[in-house]
N, C-alpha and C. Protein backbone atom coordinates (compact mmCIF):
# COMPACT_ATOMS: atom_id res chain seq x y z
N MET A 1 15.26 -21.37 82.99
CA MET A 1 15.09 -20.80 81.65
C MET A 1 15.22 -19.28 81.69
N ALA A 2 14.51 -18.66 82.65
CA ALA A 2 14.55 -17.20 82.77
C ALA A 2 15.96 -16.72 83.08
N GLN A 3 16.66 -17.49 83.94
CA GLN A 3 18.03 -17.10 84.30
C GLN A 3 18.95 -17.20 83.09
N ASN A 4 18.78 -18.25 82.27
CA ASN A 4 19.60 -18.41 81.08
C ASN A 4 19.33 -17.28 80.08
N ALA A 5 18.05 -16.91 79.95
CA ALA A 5 17.69 -15.82 79.03
C ALA A 5 18.31 -14.51 79.50
N LEU A 6 18.32 -14.29 80.82
CA LEU A 6 18.90 -13.07 81.38
C LEU A 6 20.40 -13.04 81.14
N LEU A 7 21.05 -14.20 81.30
CA LEU A 7 22.49 -14.29 81.07
C LEU A 7 22.83 -14.00 79.62
N LYS A 8 22.05 -14.60 78.70
CA LYS A 8 22.29 -14.37 77.28
C LYS A 8 22.08 -12.90 76.92
N SER A 9 21.06 -12.31 77.52
CA SER A 9 20.79 -10.90 77.26
C SER A 9 21.94 -10.02 77.75
N SER A 10 22.49 -10.36 78.91
CA SER A 10 23.62 -9.62 79.47
C SER A 10 24.85 -9.75 78.58
N ILE A 11 25.11 -10.95 78.10
CA ILE A 11 26.26 -11.18 77.21
C ILE A 11 26.08 -10.40 75.91
N ALA A 12 24.86 -10.41 75.38
CA ALA A 12 24.58 -9.69 74.13
C ALA A 12 24.82 -8.20 74.31
N ARG A 13 24.43 -7.66 75.47
CA ARG A 13 24.65 -6.24 75.72
C ARG A 13 26.15 -5.92 75.80
N LYS A 14 26.90 -6.80 76.45
CA LYS A 14 28.35 -6.58 76.58
C LYS A 14 29.03 -6.64 75.21
N VAL A 15 28.60 -7.57 74.37
CA VAL A 15 29.16 -7.67 73.02
C VAL A 15 28.83 -6.42 72.22
N ALA A 16 27.58 -5.97 72.31
CA ALA A 16 27.17 -4.76 71.59
C ALA A 16 27.95 -3.55 72.10
N MET A 17 28.17 -3.49 73.40
CA MET A 17 28.94 -2.41 74.00
C MET A 17 30.38 -2.44 73.48
N ALA A 18 30.96 -3.63 73.42
CA ALA A 18 32.34 -3.78 72.96
C ALA A 18 32.47 -3.39 71.49
N LEU A 19 31.55 -3.82 70.65
CA LEU A 19 31.62 -3.52 69.22
C LEU A 19 31.46 -2.02 68.97
N SER A 20 30.53 -1.40 69.68
CA SER A 20 30.36 0.05 69.50
C SER A 20 31.59 0.79 70.00
N GLY A 21 32.21 0.30 71.08
CA GLY A 21 33.44 0.91 71.58
C GLY A 21 34.58 0.80 70.58
N LEU A 22 34.72 -0.37 69.95
CA LEU A 22 35.77 -0.56 68.96
C LEU A 22 35.55 0.36 67.75
N PHE A 23 34.29 0.55 67.39
CA PHE A 23 33.98 1.47 66.30
C PHE A 23 34.41 2.88 66.65
N LEU A 24 34.11 3.33 67.86
CA LEU A 24 34.49 4.68 68.28
C LEU A 24 36.00 4.83 68.42
N ILE A 25 36.67 3.75 68.79
CA ILE A 25 38.13 3.78 68.90
C ILE A 25 38.76 4.00 67.52
N SER A 26 38.18 3.41 66.48
CA SER A 26 38.69 3.64 65.13
C SER A 26 38.54 5.11 64.74
N PHE A 27 37.45 5.75 65.18
CA PHE A 27 37.27 7.17 64.93
C PHE A 27 38.33 7.99 65.67
N LEU A 28 38.65 7.61 66.91
CA LEU A 28 39.68 8.32 67.67
C LEU A 28 41.02 8.27 66.95
N ALA A 29 41.35 7.10 66.41
CA ALA A 29 42.62 6.96 65.70
C ALA A 29 42.66 7.88 64.49
N LEU A 30 41.56 7.95 63.75
CA LEU A 30 41.49 8.83 62.59
C LEU A 30 41.56 10.30 63.01
N HIS A 31 40.86 10.63 64.08
CA HIS A 31 40.78 12.02 64.54
C HIS A 31 42.13 12.53 65.03
N VAL A 32 42.84 11.73 65.81
CA VAL A 32 44.15 12.19 66.31
C VAL A 32 45.15 12.28 65.16
N SER A 33 45.03 11.39 64.18
CA SER A 33 45.94 11.45 63.03
C SER A 33 45.72 12.73 62.23
N LEU A 34 44.44 13.07 62.00
CA LEU A 34 44.13 14.30 61.27
C LEU A 34 44.61 15.53 62.03
N ASN A 35 44.33 15.58 63.32
CA ASN A 35 44.73 16.74 64.11
C ASN A 35 46.25 16.87 64.23
N MET A 36 46.95 15.74 64.25
CA MET A 36 48.40 15.78 64.35
C MET A 36 49.02 16.44 63.13
N VAL A 37 48.33 16.37 61.99
CA VAL A 37 48.83 17.03 60.78
C VAL A 37 48.97 18.53 61.00
N SER A 38 48.12 19.11 61.86
CA SER A 38 48.17 20.55 62.13
C SER A 38 49.48 20.98 62.79
N VAL A 39 50.16 20.05 63.43
CA VAL A 39 51.44 20.36 64.08
C VAL A 39 52.53 20.56 63.04
N PHE A 40 52.39 19.88 61.89
CA PHE A 40 53.47 19.88 60.91
C PHE A 40 53.20 20.77 59.70
N SER A 41 51.91 20.92 59.32
CA SER A 41 51.63 21.67 58.10
C SER A 41 50.24 22.30 58.15
N GLU A 42 50.20 23.62 58.11
CA GLU A 42 48.91 24.33 58.08
C GLU A 42 48.15 24.00 56.80
N ASP A 43 48.84 24.00 55.67
CA ASP A 43 48.18 23.76 54.40
C ASP A 43 47.62 22.34 54.31
N ALA A 44 48.40 21.37 54.76
CA ALA A 44 47.95 19.98 54.71
C ALA A 44 46.74 19.76 55.63
N PHE A 45 46.77 20.41 56.79
CA PHE A 45 45.64 20.28 57.72
C PHE A 45 44.38 20.91 57.12
N ASN A 46 44.53 22.07 56.51
CA ASN A 46 43.38 22.72 55.87
C ASN A 46 42.81 21.84 54.75
N ALA A 47 43.69 21.27 53.95
CA ALA A 47 43.24 20.43 52.84
C ALA A 47 42.51 19.19 53.34
N ALA A 48 43.08 18.53 54.36
CA ALA A 48 42.46 17.32 54.90
C ALA A 48 41.12 17.64 55.56
N SER A 49 41.07 18.74 56.31
CA SER A 49 39.84 19.12 56.99
C SER A 49 38.75 19.51 56.00
N HIS A 50 39.14 20.21 54.93
CA HIS A 50 38.17 20.59 53.90
C HIS A 50 37.58 19.34 53.23
N PHE A 51 38.44 18.37 52.96
CA PHE A 51 37.96 17.12 52.38
C PHE A 51 36.97 16.43 53.31
N MET A 52 37.31 16.35 54.60
CA MET A 52 36.42 15.71 55.57
C MET A 52 35.12 16.50 55.71
N GLY A 53 35.20 17.81 55.58
CA GLY A 53 34.03 18.64 55.79
C GLY A 53 33.06 18.69 54.64
N TYR A 54 33.52 18.33 53.44
CA TYR A 54 32.66 18.46 52.26
C TYR A 54 32.48 17.16 51.48
N ASN A 55 33.14 16.10 51.89
CA ASN A 55 32.95 14.82 51.23
C ASN A 55 31.56 14.28 51.57
N PRO A 56 30.70 14.02 50.60
CA PRO A 56 29.31 13.61 50.91
C PRO A 56 29.21 12.29 51.65
N ILE A 57 30.12 11.36 51.38
CA ILE A 57 30.08 10.07 52.08
C ILE A 57 30.35 10.27 53.57
N ILE A 58 31.35 11.12 53.87
CA ILE A 58 31.68 11.39 55.26
C ILE A 58 30.56 12.17 55.94
N GLN A 59 30.02 13.17 55.24
CA GLN A 59 29.02 14.05 55.82
C GLN A 59 27.67 13.36 56.04
N TYR A 60 27.23 12.59 55.05
CA TYR A 60 25.86 12.08 55.08
C TYR A 60 25.75 10.60 55.41
N VAL A 61 26.88 9.93 55.50
CA VAL A 61 26.86 8.51 55.87
C VAL A 61 27.64 8.28 57.17
N MET A 62 28.93 8.66 57.15
CA MET A 62 29.77 8.35 58.29
C MET A 62 29.43 9.18 59.53
N GLN A 63 29.12 10.47 59.35
CA GLN A 63 28.80 11.29 60.51
C GLN A 63 27.53 10.83 61.24
N PRO A 64 26.43 10.54 60.52
CA PRO A 64 25.25 10.01 61.22
C PRO A 64 25.51 8.68 61.91
N VAL A 65 26.30 7.82 61.26
CA VAL A 65 26.63 6.53 61.87
C VAL A 65 27.47 6.75 63.13
N LEU A 66 28.41 7.69 63.06
CA LEU A 66 29.24 8.01 64.22
C LEU A 66 28.39 8.54 65.37
N ALA A 67 27.47 9.47 65.07
CA ALA A 67 26.60 10.03 66.10
C ALA A 67 25.75 8.93 66.74
N ALA A 68 25.22 8.04 65.92
CA ALA A 68 24.42 6.93 66.44
C ALA A 68 25.27 6.02 67.31
N GLY A 69 26.53 5.80 66.89
CA GLY A 69 27.43 4.95 67.67
C GLY A 69 27.75 5.54 69.02
N VAL A 70 27.96 6.86 69.07
CA VAL A 70 28.23 7.54 70.35
C VAL A 70 27.04 7.40 71.29
N ILE A 71 25.86 7.70 70.78
CA ILE A 71 24.64 7.62 71.60
C ILE A 71 24.41 6.20 72.10
N PHE A 72 24.54 5.24 71.20
CA PHE A 72 24.32 3.84 71.58
C PHE A 72 25.33 3.40 72.63
N HIS A 73 26.60 3.75 72.45
CA HIS A 73 27.65 3.30 73.36
C HIS A 73 27.40 3.81 74.78
N PHE A 74 27.05 5.07 74.90
CA PHE A 74 26.89 5.63 76.24
C PHE A 74 25.58 5.19 76.88
N ILE A 75 24.52 5.03 76.09
CA ILE A 75 23.28 4.50 76.66
C ILE A 75 23.50 3.06 77.13
N MET A 76 24.18 2.26 76.32
CA MET A 76 24.44 0.89 76.71
C MET A 76 25.34 0.83 77.93
N GLY A 77 26.28 1.77 78.04
CA GLY A 77 27.15 1.80 79.22
C GLY A 77 26.36 2.07 80.49
N ILE A 78 25.40 2.98 80.42
CA ILE A 78 24.56 3.28 81.58
C ILE A 78 23.69 2.08 81.93
N VAL A 79 23.14 1.43 80.91
CA VAL A 79 22.30 0.25 81.14
C VAL A 79 23.09 -0.85 81.83
N LEU A 80 24.31 -1.11 81.35
CA LEU A 80 25.14 -2.15 81.94
C LEU A 80 25.56 -1.79 83.36
N GLU A 81 25.83 -0.50 83.60
CA GLU A 81 26.21 -0.08 84.95
C GLU A 81 25.06 -0.31 85.92
N ILE A 82 23.85 0.05 85.52
CA ILE A 82 22.68 -0.17 86.37
C ILE A 82 22.48 -1.66 86.61
N GLN A 83 22.64 -2.45 85.57
CA GLN A 83 22.49 -3.91 85.69
C GLN A 83 23.52 -4.48 86.64
N ASN A 84 24.76 -4.02 86.53
CA ASN A 84 25.82 -4.53 87.40
C ASN A 84 25.58 -4.14 88.86
N ARG A 85 25.12 -2.91 89.08
CA ARG A 85 24.86 -2.46 90.44
C ARG A 85 23.70 -3.24 91.07
N ASN A 86 22.68 -3.53 90.28
CA ASN A 86 21.54 -4.29 90.80
C ASN A 86 21.91 -5.73 91.10
N ALA A 87 22.89 -6.26 90.34
CA ALA A 87 23.30 -7.65 90.54
C ALA A 87 24.35 -7.81 91.62
N ARG A 88 24.86 -6.70 92.15
CA ARG A 88 25.93 -6.72 93.12
C ARG A 88 25.34 -6.82 94.53
N PRO A 89 25.49 -7.95 95.22
CA PRO A 89 24.88 -8.10 96.54
C PRO A 89 25.50 -7.22 97.62
N VAL A 90 26.77 -6.90 97.47
CA VAL A 90 27.46 -6.09 98.47
C VAL A 90 28.17 -4.96 97.74
N LYS A 91 28.02 -3.74 98.21
CA LYS A 91 28.64 -2.60 97.55
C LYS A 91 30.16 -2.69 97.64
N TYR A 92 30.82 -2.07 96.66
CA TYR A 92 32.29 -2.08 96.64
C TYR A 92 32.88 -1.49 97.91
N ALA A 93 32.22 -0.50 98.47
CA ALA A 93 32.76 0.16 99.66
C ALA A 93 32.85 -0.81 100.82
N ARG A 94 32.02 -1.85 100.78
CA ARG A 94 32.01 -2.79 101.89
C ARG A 94 32.84 -4.04 101.61
N ASN A 95 32.99 -4.39 100.33
CA ASN A 95 33.74 -5.61 100.06
C ASN A 95 35.12 -5.34 99.48
N ASN A 96 35.57 -4.06 99.58
CA ASN A 96 36.93 -3.68 99.16
C ASN A 96 37.18 -4.08 97.71
N GLY A 97 36.39 -3.49 96.81
CA GLY A 97 36.54 -3.79 95.39
C GLY A 97 37.90 -3.45 94.85
N ALA A 98 38.59 -2.48 95.47
CA ALA A 98 39.91 -2.09 94.99
C ALA A 98 40.91 -3.23 95.06
N ALA A 99 40.64 -4.20 95.92
CA ALA A 99 41.56 -5.33 96.04
C ALA A 99 41.43 -6.27 94.86
N ASN A 100 40.31 -6.20 94.12
CA ASN A 100 40.06 -7.14 93.04
C ASN A 100 39.98 -6.51 91.66
N SER A 101 39.94 -5.20 91.58
CA SER A 101 39.82 -4.56 90.28
C SER A 101 40.46 -3.18 90.32
N SER A 102 40.80 -2.66 89.14
CA SER A 102 41.45 -1.36 89.04
C SER A 102 40.43 -0.24 89.16
N TRP A 103 40.94 0.97 89.44
CA TRP A 103 40.05 2.12 89.54
C TRP A 103 39.30 2.37 88.24
N PRO A 104 39.96 2.34 87.05
CA PRO A 104 39.23 2.56 85.81
C PRO A 104 38.10 1.57 85.60
N SER A 105 38.33 0.28 85.94
CA SER A 105 37.29 -0.72 85.72
C SER A 105 36.09 -0.50 86.63
N ARG A 106 36.31 0.07 87.83
CA ARG A 106 35.20 0.30 88.76
C ARG A 106 34.49 1.62 88.49
N ASN A 107 35.08 2.48 87.68
CA ASN A 107 34.52 3.82 87.48
C ASN A 107 34.36 4.16 86.01
N MET A 108 34.06 3.16 85.19
CA MET A 108 33.87 3.39 83.77
C MET A 108 32.73 4.37 83.51
N ILE A 109 31.69 4.30 84.31
CA ILE A 109 30.55 5.19 84.11
C ILE A 109 30.94 6.64 84.38
N ILE A 110 31.82 6.85 85.38
CA ILE A 110 32.25 8.21 85.71
C ILE A 110 33.13 8.78 84.59
N THR A 111 34.15 8.03 84.20
CA THR A 111 35.03 8.52 83.13
C THR A 111 34.25 8.65 81.83
N GLY A 112 33.31 7.73 81.60
CA GLY A 112 32.50 7.80 80.39
C GLY A 112 31.64 9.05 80.34
N LEU A 113 31.01 9.40 81.46
CA LEU A 113 30.17 10.59 81.50
C LEU A 113 30.99 11.87 81.35
N VAL A 114 32.20 11.88 81.92
CA VAL A 114 33.08 13.04 81.75
C VAL A 114 33.49 13.18 80.29
N VAL A 115 33.82 12.05 79.65
CA VAL A 115 34.18 12.08 78.24
C VAL A 115 32.99 12.55 77.40
N LEU A 116 31.79 12.11 77.76
CA LEU A 116 30.59 12.55 77.05
C LEU A 116 30.39 14.06 77.19
N ALA A 117 30.60 14.58 78.41
CA ALA A 117 30.50 16.02 78.62
C ALA A 117 31.54 16.76 77.80
N PHE A 118 32.76 16.21 77.74
CA PHE A 118 33.80 16.82 76.92
C PHE A 118 33.41 16.83 75.45
N MET A 119 32.78 15.77 74.99
CA MET A 119 32.36 15.73 73.59
C MET A 119 31.34 16.83 73.30
N GLY A 120 30.50 17.13 74.30
CA GLY A 120 29.57 18.24 74.15
C GLY A 120 30.31 19.55 73.94
N LEU A 121 31.37 19.77 74.73
CA LEU A 121 32.20 20.97 74.57
C LEU A 121 32.88 20.97 73.20
N HIS A 122 33.38 19.82 72.79
CA HIS A 122 34.07 19.70 71.51
C HIS A 122 33.11 20.02 70.35
N PHE A 123 31.89 19.50 70.42
CA PHE A 123 30.89 19.82 69.39
C PHE A 123 30.59 21.32 69.38
N TYR A 124 30.50 21.90 70.58
CA TYR A 124 30.23 23.34 70.69
C TYR A 124 31.35 24.15 70.05
N ASP A 125 32.59 23.70 70.24
CA ASP A 125 33.74 24.43 69.73
C ASP A 125 33.93 24.28 68.22
N PHE A 126 33.64 23.09 67.69
CA PHE A 126 34.01 22.82 66.30
C PHE A 126 32.85 22.41 65.40
N TRP A 127 32.02 21.47 65.87
CA TRP A 127 30.99 20.91 64.98
C TRP A 127 29.86 21.91 64.75
N PHE A 128 29.36 22.54 65.81
CA PHE A 128 28.26 23.49 65.66
C PHE A 128 28.67 24.70 64.80
N PRO A 129 29.87 25.28 65.02
CA PRO A 129 30.29 26.35 64.11
C PRO A 129 30.39 25.90 62.66
N GLU A 130 30.81 24.64 62.46
CA GLU A 130 30.89 24.10 61.10
C GLU A 130 29.51 24.03 60.47
N LEU A 131 28.52 23.55 61.23
CA LEU A 131 27.16 23.48 60.72
C LEU A 131 26.62 24.87 60.43
N ASN A 132 26.91 25.82 61.31
CA ASN A 132 26.45 27.19 61.12
C ASN A 132 27.07 27.80 59.87
N PHE A 133 28.37 27.55 59.68
CA PHE A 133 29.09 28.10 58.53
C PHE A 133 28.49 27.59 57.22
N LYS A 134 28.19 26.30 57.15
CA LYS A 134 27.76 25.70 55.90
C LYS A 134 26.27 25.80 55.64
N TYR A 135 25.45 25.63 56.70
CA TYR A 135 24.02 25.46 56.47
C TYR A 135 23.16 26.62 56.98
N VAL A 136 23.66 27.42 57.92
CA VAL A 136 22.87 28.53 58.45
C VAL A 136 23.31 29.84 57.81
N ALA A 137 24.61 30.16 57.97
CA ALA A 137 25.12 31.38 57.37
C ALA A 137 25.23 31.27 55.85
N GLY A 138 25.36 30.03 55.38
CA GLY A 138 25.44 29.81 53.94
C GLY A 138 26.69 30.37 53.31
N GLU A 139 27.80 30.32 54.05
CA GLU A 139 29.06 30.86 53.54
C GLU A 139 29.61 29.98 52.42
N MET A 140 30.36 30.61 51.52
CA MET A 140 31.02 29.87 50.45
C MET A 140 32.14 29.01 51.06
N PRO A 141 32.40 27.84 50.47
CA PRO A 141 33.48 26.99 50.99
C PRO A 141 34.80 27.74 51.06
N ASP A 142 35.49 27.59 52.18
CA ASP A 142 36.79 28.24 52.39
C ASP A 142 37.75 27.19 52.94
N ALA A 143 38.65 26.73 52.09
CA ALA A 143 39.55 25.64 52.47
C ALA A 143 40.72 26.11 53.32
N THR A 144 40.76 27.41 53.67
CA THR A 144 41.90 27.92 54.44
C THR A 144 41.52 28.27 55.88
N ARG A 145 40.29 28.05 56.28
CA ARG A 145 39.83 28.54 57.58
C ARG A 145 40.07 27.58 58.74
N TYR A 146 40.32 26.31 58.47
CA TYR A 146 40.30 25.29 59.52
C TYR A 146 41.45 25.44 60.52
N TYR A 147 42.63 25.72 60.03
CA TYR A 147 43.79 25.83 60.92
C TYR A 147 43.60 26.97 61.91
N GLY A 148 43.14 28.11 61.40
CA GLY A 148 42.92 29.26 62.27
C GLY A 148 41.86 28.99 63.32
N GLU A 149 40.79 28.28 62.94
CA GLU A 149 39.74 27.94 63.88
C GLU A 149 40.26 27.00 64.97
N LEU A 150 41.15 26.09 64.57
CA LEU A 150 41.70 25.14 65.54
C LEU A 150 42.58 25.85 66.57
N VAL A 151 43.55 26.62 66.11
CA VAL A 151 44.49 27.22 67.04
C VAL A 151 43.82 28.30 67.90
N GLU A 152 42.77 28.94 67.37
CA GLU A 152 42.08 29.97 68.15
C GLU A 152 41.47 29.40 69.42
N LYS A 153 41.00 28.15 69.34
CA LYS A 153 40.37 27.53 70.51
C LYS A 153 41.36 27.25 71.63
N PHE A 154 42.64 27.14 71.29
CA PHE A 154 43.64 26.80 72.31
C PHE A 154 44.41 28.02 72.81
N HIS A 155 43.93 29.22 72.50
CA HIS A 155 44.54 30.42 73.09
C HIS A 155 44.21 30.51 74.58
N ASP A 156 43.02 30.11 74.94
CA ASP A 156 42.53 30.22 76.31
C ASP A 156 43.15 29.11 77.17
N PRO A 157 43.90 29.46 78.23
CA PRO A 157 44.54 28.42 79.06
C PRO A 157 43.51 27.55 79.80
N VAL A 158 42.36 28.13 80.16
CA VAL A 158 41.34 27.35 80.87
C VAL A 158 40.76 26.27 79.95
N ARG A 159 40.43 26.67 78.72
CA ARG A 159 39.87 25.70 77.78
C ARG A 159 40.91 24.63 77.44
N THR A 160 42.15 25.05 77.27
CA THR A 160 43.22 24.09 76.99
C THR A 160 43.37 23.10 78.15
N GLY A 161 43.28 23.62 79.39
CA GLY A 161 43.36 22.74 80.56
C GLY A 161 42.22 21.76 80.62
N ILE A 162 41.01 22.21 80.28
CA ILE A 162 39.84 21.32 80.27
C ILE A 162 40.05 20.20 79.26
N TYR A 163 40.56 20.56 78.09
CA TYR A 163 40.83 19.55 77.07
C TYR A 163 41.84 18.52 77.58
N CYS A 164 42.91 18.99 78.20
CA CYS A 164 43.96 18.07 78.66
C CYS A 164 43.45 17.13 79.75
N VAL A 165 42.71 17.66 80.71
CA VAL A 165 42.15 16.82 81.78
C VAL A 165 41.17 15.80 81.19
N SER A 166 40.37 16.24 80.22
CA SER A 166 39.41 15.33 79.59
C SER A 166 40.12 14.20 78.87
N PHE A 167 41.24 14.51 78.23
CA PHE A 167 41.99 13.46 77.53
C PHE A 167 42.63 12.49 78.52
N LEU A 168 43.03 12.97 79.69
CA LEU A 168 43.55 12.06 80.72
C LEU A 168 42.46 11.09 81.18
N LEU A 169 41.25 11.59 81.35
CA LEU A 169 40.14 10.72 81.74
C LEU A 169 39.76 9.78 80.60
N LEU A 170 39.91 10.26 79.36
CA LEU A 170 39.70 9.37 78.22
C LEU A 170 40.70 8.22 78.26
N ALA A 171 41.96 8.52 78.64
CA ALA A 171 42.97 7.47 78.75
C ALA A 171 42.56 6.42 79.77
N LEU A 172 42.03 6.85 80.92
CA LEU A 172 41.58 5.91 81.94
C LEU A 172 40.41 5.07 81.43
N HIS A 173 39.51 5.71 80.69
CA HIS A 173 38.36 5.00 80.14
C HIS A 173 38.82 3.95 79.13
N LEU A 174 39.76 4.33 78.28
CA LEU A 174 40.27 3.39 77.28
C LEU A 174 41.11 2.29 77.91
N TRP A 175 41.81 2.61 79.00
CA TRP A 175 42.71 1.63 79.62
C TRP A 175 41.98 0.34 79.96
N HIS A 176 40.79 0.48 80.51
CA HIS A 176 40.01 -0.72 80.82
C HIS A 176 39.12 -1.13 79.65
N GLY A 177 38.46 -0.15 79.02
CA GLY A 177 37.45 -0.45 78.03
C GLY A 177 37.98 -1.12 76.78
N PHE A 178 39.11 -0.64 76.26
CA PHE A 178 39.63 -1.19 75.01
C PHE A 178 40.07 -2.64 75.21
N ALA A 179 40.82 -2.89 76.27
CA ALA A 179 41.30 -4.25 76.51
C ALA A 179 40.15 -5.22 76.78
N SER A 180 39.17 -4.79 77.58
CA SER A 180 38.06 -5.68 77.93
C SER A 180 37.15 -5.94 76.75
N SER A 181 37.13 -5.02 75.75
CA SER A 181 36.27 -5.22 74.59
C SER A 181 36.68 -6.45 73.80
N PHE A 182 37.99 -6.73 73.74
CA PHE A 182 38.45 -7.91 73.04
C PHE A 182 37.94 -9.18 73.74
N GLN A 183 37.95 -9.18 75.06
CA GLN A 183 37.44 -10.33 75.80
C GLN A 183 35.93 -10.50 75.59
N SER A 184 35.22 -9.39 75.53
CA SER A 184 33.76 -9.44 75.38
C SER A 184 33.34 -10.06 74.06
N ILE A 185 34.16 -9.88 73.01
CA ILE A 185 33.79 -10.43 71.72
C ILE A 185 34.48 -11.76 71.44
N GLY A 186 35.16 -12.31 72.46
CA GLY A 186 35.65 -13.68 72.37
C GLY A 186 37.08 -13.86 71.95
N PHE A 187 37.92 -12.83 72.03
CA PHE A 187 39.33 -12.98 71.66
C PHE A 187 40.14 -13.49 72.84
N ASN A 188 39.75 -14.63 73.38
CA ASN A 188 40.51 -15.26 74.46
C ASN A 188 41.33 -16.41 73.86
N ASN A 189 42.39 -16.05 73.19
CA ASN A 189 43.21 -17.05 72.52
C ASN A 189 44.69 -16.67 72.64
N LYS A 190 45.52 -17.24 71.79
CA LYS A 190 46.96 -17.00 71.90
C LYS A 190 47.35 -15.56 71.59
N TYR A 191 46.43 -14.82 70.96
CA TYR A 191 46.71 -13.42 70.64
C TYR A 191 46.25 -12.46 71.73
N SER A 192 45.64 -12.98 72.79
CA SER A 192 45.06 -12.12 73.81
C SER A 192 46.08 -11.19 74.44
N ARG A 193 47.26 -11.71 74.78
CA ARG A 193 48.27 -10.88 75.43
C ARG A 193 48.73 -9.76 74.51
N SER A 194 48.95 -10.07 73.23
CA SER A 194 49.39 -9.04 72.28
C SER A 194 48.30 -7.99 72.07
N LEU A 195 47.05 -8.43 71.99
CA LEU A 195 45.95 -7.49 71.83
C LEU A 195 45.82 -6.58 73.04
N SER A 196 46.01 -7.15 74.22
CA SER A 196 45.94 -6.35 75.45
C SER A 196 47.05 -5.30 75.47
N LYS A 197 48.25 -5.69 75.08
CA LYS A 197 49.36 -4.74 75.05
C LYS A 197 49.07 -3.62 74.05
N PHE A 198 48.52 -4.00 72.90
CA PHE A 198 48.16 -2.99 71.90
C PHE A 198 47.11 -2.04 72.46
N ALA A 199 46.10 -2.59 73.15
CA ALA A 199 45.02 -1.77 73.72
C ALA A 199 45.56 -0.80 74.76
N TYR A 200 46.45 -1.28 75.64
CA TYR A 200 47.02 -0.41 76.67
C TYR A 200 47.90 0.67 76.04
N GLY A 201 48.65 0.29 75.00
CA GLY A 201 49.47 1.28 74.31
C GLY A 201 48.61 2.36 73.65
N PHE A 202 47.52 1.93 73.02
CA PHE A 202 46.60 2.88 72.39
C PHE A 202 46.00 3.81 73.43
N ALA A 203 45.64 3.26 74.59
CA ALA A 203 45.02 4.05 75.65
C ALA A 203 45.94 5.14 76.18
N VAL A 204 47.24 4.95 76.01
CA VAL A 204 48.21 5.96 76.45
C VAL A 204 48.59 6.90 75.32
N ILE A 205 48.91 6.35 74.17
CA ILE A 205 49.47 7.14 73.07
C ILE A 205 48.45 8.11 72.48
N VAL A 206 47.23 7.65 72.23
CA VAL A 206 46.24 8.50 71.56
C VAL A 206 45.84 9.70 72.43
N PRO A 207 45.46 9.51 73.71
CA PRO A 207 45.17 10.68 74.54
C PRO A 207 46.37 11.62 74.69
N LEU A 208 47.57 11.06 74.83
CA LEU A 208 48.76 11.91 74.90
C LEU A 208 48.96 12.70 73.61
N GLY A 209 48.59 12.07 72.48
CA GLY A 209 48.67 12.77 71.20
C GLY A 209 47.76 13.99 71.18
N PHE A 210 46.53 13.81 71.66
CA PHE A 210 45.59 14.93 71.73
C PHE A 210 46.11 16.02 72.67
N ILE A 211 46.66 15.61 73.81
CA ILE A 211 47.19 16.58 74.76
C ILE A 211 48.35 17.35 74.14
N PHE A 212 49.22 16.64 73.45
CA PHE A 212 50.35 17.30 72.79
C PHE A 212 49.88 18.34 71.78
N ILE A 213 48.86 18.00 71.00
CA ILE A 213 48.33 18.93 69.99
C ILE A 213 47.79 20.19 70.67
N ALA A 214 47.01 20.00 71.73
CA ALA A 214 46.43 21.15 72.44
C ALA A 214 47.52 22.05 73.01
N LEU A 215 48.51 21.45 73.67
CA LEU A 215 49.59 22.24 74.28
C LEU A 215 50.48 22.89 73.24
N PHE A 216 50.70 22.18 72.13
CA PHE A 216 51.53 22.74 71.06
C PHE A 216 50.92 24.03 70.54
N HIS A 217 49.63 24.01 70.25
CA HIS A 217 49.00 25.19 69.69
C HIS A 217 48.81 26.30 70.75
N HIS A 218 48.68 25.88 72.00
CA HIS A 218 48.55 26.88 73.06
C HIS A 218 49.84 27.68 73.25
N PHE A 219 50.97 26.99 73.22
CA PHE A 219 52.23 27.66 73.51
C PHE A 219 52.94 28.21 72.27
N ASN A 220 52.43 27.89 71.08
CA ASN A 220 53.12 28.33 69.87
C ASN A 220 52.32 29.33 69.03
N HIS A 221 51.18 29.77 69.56
CA HIS A 221 50.39 30.75 68.80
C HIS A 221 49.86 31.83 69.74
């Protein structure tokens, strides 16, 4: 009975982890789409960013839900990693785990923590200044400031390099995490192969999109 309860608890955690991951993936798709607009039109990017920054539903509903999703996903990832390590009778170094699994699948906690650290930098660069502008300094809304704030961050080659490396690690994290999330929630059917291909494509295209945006603004401004 206790073993069955433990198994069910483990499955529930994996499903919760997968669902929170899929939620965050939808945010990534929206985020890269919005940022890609900056490559083509300064005015359109300013308008879209201003809407996102002042829409009450986005500010007071979606942002708190997103923050909660990020915290939950990474806490659950650490919990599952500890659980997996405790359940592993022989360490990977001794049983040659590389022969049975990919590097991303064995190091999700490492890539996840690096991505989390990058998110801290990203919040420092963009979210905290936004909060200061609106709620601390009490500045009047300015729908023309977003493009300049974005490109200014990519003047520094070191910061641009950190962003690019972080996006590469995000790609590794997504490479295993996105595809496995479908299995965790039970999509083991005739669509599994197509979903896996979509997940792998997303894991490559979206991080490369972010890298392209960073390099574009670094070399063109």
